[in-house]
Amino acid sequence: MNESASGSGQSGLGPRGSLVMSLTLALLLGMLSVLVMFPAAEHLRSLRNGERADATLHTSGSCMIGHCRVEFEANGRTVVADLPTGSGGGKQSVGAALTVRYQADDPQVVAREADVGGGGAALLAWISGGTALLFLILSAVAAVFLVRQRRAAPTPA
């Protein structure tokens, strides 16, 4: 008889491994939602009433994770500032024109005008939160399965 390396004849994680994996994914996705994406959406919304300026995309990249920079004029000087996590516009090329909102007292705090509603950050927060809830439900199902399996197991005489 050819059994797997674990000696159980099963392939895959098994019920306990599935439970741990589901709980871990629920925790990580929940933390992403609560600690990163919801605050990012709130930060973007806080710039709704900021000063408006025409800008150009200085450095493109993955804007959703905060790897884009814009260049614009504020208070008579040229400012190059990072777009915050949750920003859109990552598919635009360097030099693309866009409108930004910035804090009057700190022009380094800036966001694309199209993102000041919360945009992609809010959407990603809800999606990751919903997925965390899904994995939490899967964890509960796996826990019930483990309890039923343990009760149904025959006891040695």
Protein backbone atom coordinates (compact mmCIF):
# COMPACT_ATOMS: atom_id res chain seq x y z
CA MET A 1 0.00 0.00 0.00
CA ASN A 2 1.40 3.39 -0.99
CA GLU A 3 0.56 6.09 1.58
CA SER A 4 1.64 9.71 1.73
CA ALA A 5 4.60 10.92 3.75
CA SER A 6 2.32 11.79 6.66
CA GLY A 7 1.21 8.21 6.90
CA SER A 8 -2.48 9.14 6.89
CA GLY A 9 -3.17 8.41 3.25
CA GLN A 10 -4.61 11.93 2.84
CA SER A 11 -3.38 14.61 0.53
CA GLY A 12 -3.78 18.31 1.30
CA LEU A 13 -4.02 20.17 4.57
CA GLY A 14 -6.69 18.23 6.38
CA PRO A 15 -9.36 19.79 8.58
CA ARG A 16 -7.00 21.26 11.21
CA GLY A 17 -4.73 22.77 8.59
CA SER A 18 -7.72 24.21 6.76
CA LEU A 19 -8.98 25.73 10.00
CA VAL A 20 -5.62 27.35 10.76
CA MET A 21 -5.22 28.56 7.17
CA SER A 22 -8.73 30.06 7.07
CA LEU A 23 -8.25 31.82 10.40
CA THR A 24 -4.88 33.18 9.28
CA LEU A 25 -6.30 34.50 6.00
CA ALA A 26 -9.27 36.03 7.82
CA LEU A 27 -6.93 37.78 10.24
CA LEU A 28 -4.59 39.09 7.51
CA LEU A 29 -7.39 40.33 5.27
CA GLY A 30 -9.18 41.89 8.23
CA MET A 31 -5.99 43.69 9.26
CA LEU A 32 -5.45 44.92 5.68
CA SER A 33 -8.96 46.31 5.65
CA VAL A 34 -9.04 47.88 9.12
CA LEU A 35 -5.43 49.02 9.53
CA VAL A 36 -4.50 50.03 5.98
CA MET A 37 -7.35 50.54 3.52
CA PHE A 38 -10.03 52.20 5.70
CA PRO A 39 -7.51 54.75 7.04
CA ALA A 40 -6.25 55.33 3.48
CA ALA A 41 -9.80 56.03 2.30
CA GLU A 42 -10.35 58.44 5.20
CA HIS A 43 -7.07 60.22 4.41
CA LEU A 44 -8.15 60.65 0.80
CA ARG A 45 -11.53 62.01 1.92
CA SER A 46 -9.82 64.49 4.25
CA LEU A 47 -8.39 66.27 1.19
CA ARG A 48 -11.80 67.02 -0.38
CA ASN A 49 -11.60 70.68 0.60
CA GLY A 50 -7.86 71.02 -0.01
CA GLU A 51 -6.24 73.49 -2.36
CA ARG A 52 -6.58 72.58 -6.02
CA ALA A 53 -3.65 72.49 -8.43
CA ASP A 54 -2.82 71.22 -11.90
CA ALA A 55 -0.10 68.59 -11.72
CA THR A 56 1.86 66.16 -13.83
CA LEU A 57 2.67 62.59 -12.99
CA HIS A 58 6.35 62.71 -12.00
CA THR A 59 6.90 59.01 -11.21
CA SER A 60 4.47 56.29 -12.20
CA GLY A 61 4.12 52.88 -10.66
CA SER A 62 1.60 51.07 -8.54
CA CYS A 63 -0.35 54.05 -7.21
CA MET A 64 -2.70 51.84 -5.17
CA ILE A 65 0.19 50.97 -2.84
CA GLY A 66 1.63 54.49 -2.86
CA HIS A 67 4.37 54.30 -5.48
CA CYS A 68 3.42 57.34 -7.59
CA ARG A 69 4.65 60.92 -7.35
CA VAL A 70 3.22 64.13 -8.75
CA GLU A 71 4.77 67.53 -9.47
CA PHE A 72 2.81 70.76 -9.10
CA GLU A 73 3.11 74.43 -8.10
CA ALA A 74 2.07 75.42 -4.55
CA ASN A 75 2.70 78.78 -2.90
CA GLY A 76 5.04 79.81 -5.72
CA ARG A 77 7.32 76.79 -5.53
CA THR A 78 7.51 73.44 -7.31
CA VAL A 79 6.51 70.51 -5.14
CA VAL A 80 7.13 66.83 -5.84
CA ALA A 81 4.96 64.75 -3.53
CA ASP A 82 3.99 61.09 -3.12
CA LEU A 83 0.42 60.08 -3.81
CA PRO A 84 -1.00 58.21 -0.82
CA THR A 85 -1.89 54.54 -0.59
CA GLY A 86 -5.21 53.91 -2.29
CA SER A 87 -4.64 56.32 -5.18
CA GLY A 88 -5.70 55.53 -8.71
CA GLY A 89 -3.99 56.51 -11.91
CA GLY A 90 -1.30 53.86 -12.01
CA LYS A 91 -1.86 53.18 -15.70
CA GLN A 92 -1.01 56.74 -16.69
CA SER A 93 2.44 57.45 -18.05
CA VAL A 94 4.97 59.92 -16.66
CA GLY A 95 4.08 63.45 -17.71
CA ALA A 96 0.32 62.85 -17.75
CA ALA A 97 -1.69 65.87 -16.63
CA LEU A 98 -3.97 65.53 -13.62
CA THR A 99 -5.60 67.67 -10.96
CA VAL A 100 -4.62 67.29 -7.32
CA ARG A 101 -5.85 68.52 -3.95
CA TYR A 102 -3.31 69.34 -1.23
CA GLN A 103 -3.24 70.72 2.29
CA ALA A 104 -2.55 74.46 2.22
CA ASP A 105 -0.16 74.28 5.18
CA ASP A 106 1.65 71.15 3.92
CA PRO A 107 1.74 70.67 0.13
CA GLN A 108 3.43 67.28 0.61
CA VAL A 109 0.02 65.94 1.69
CA VAL A 110 -1.63 65.51 -1.69
CA ALA A 111 -4.13 63.31 -3.53
CA ARG A 112 -5.55 63.11 -7.03
CA GLU A 113 -8.81 65.03 -7.19
CA ALA A 114 -10.44 61.94 -8.67
CA ASP A 115 -9.54 59.99 -5.50
CA VAL A 116 -10.74 62.36 -2.76
CA GLY A 117 -14.03 60.46 -2.47
CA GLY A 118 -12.16 57.46 -1.08
CA GLY A 119 -12.31 55.62 -4.39
CA GLY A 120 -10.22 52.51 -4.81
CA ALA A 121 -9.10 52.45 -1.18
CA ALA A 122 -12.69 52.28 0.09
CA LEU A 123 -13.57 49.60 -2.45
CA LEU A 124 -10.53 47.51 -1.55
CA ALA A 125 -11.31 47.96 2.17
CA TRP A 126 -14.82 46.55 1.69
CA ILE A 127 -13.63 43.73 -0.56
CA SER A 128 -10.85 42.64 1.83
CA GLY A 129 -13.22 42.97 4.80
CA GLY A 130 -15.85 40.83 3.06
CA THR A 131 -13.26 38.25 2.11
CA ALA A 132 -12.03 38.18 5.73
CA LEU A 133 -15.61 37.49 6.82
CA LEU A 134 -15.86 34.68 4.26
CA PHE A 135 -12.71 33.03 5.62
CA LEU A 136 -14.02 33.46 9.17
CA ILE A 137 -17.20 31.60 8.17
CA LEU A 138 -15.09 28.89 6.51
CA SER A 139 -13.15 28.60 9.78
CA ALA A 140 -16.38 28.09 11.71
CA VAL A 141 -17.46 25.39 9.26
CA ALA A 142 -14.07 23.67 9.58
CA ALA A 143 -14.32 23.83 13.39
CA VAL A 144 -17.78 22.24 13.33
CA PHE A 145 -16.48 19.54 11.00
CA LEU A 146 -13.57 18.82 13.37
CA VAL A 147 -15.91 18.52 16.37
CA ARG A 148 -18.29 16.19 14.51
CA GLN A 149 -15.39 14.10 13.23
CA ARG A 150 -14.00 13.76 16.75
CA ARG A 151 -17.41 12.71 18.15
CA ALA A 152 -17.94 10.18 15.38
CA ALA A 153 -14.49 8.58 15.77
CA PRO A 154 -14.73 5.12 17.38
CA THR A 155 -13.04 4.83 20.77
CA PRO A 156 -10.53 2.00 21.19
CA ALA A 157 -11.73 -0.77 23.48
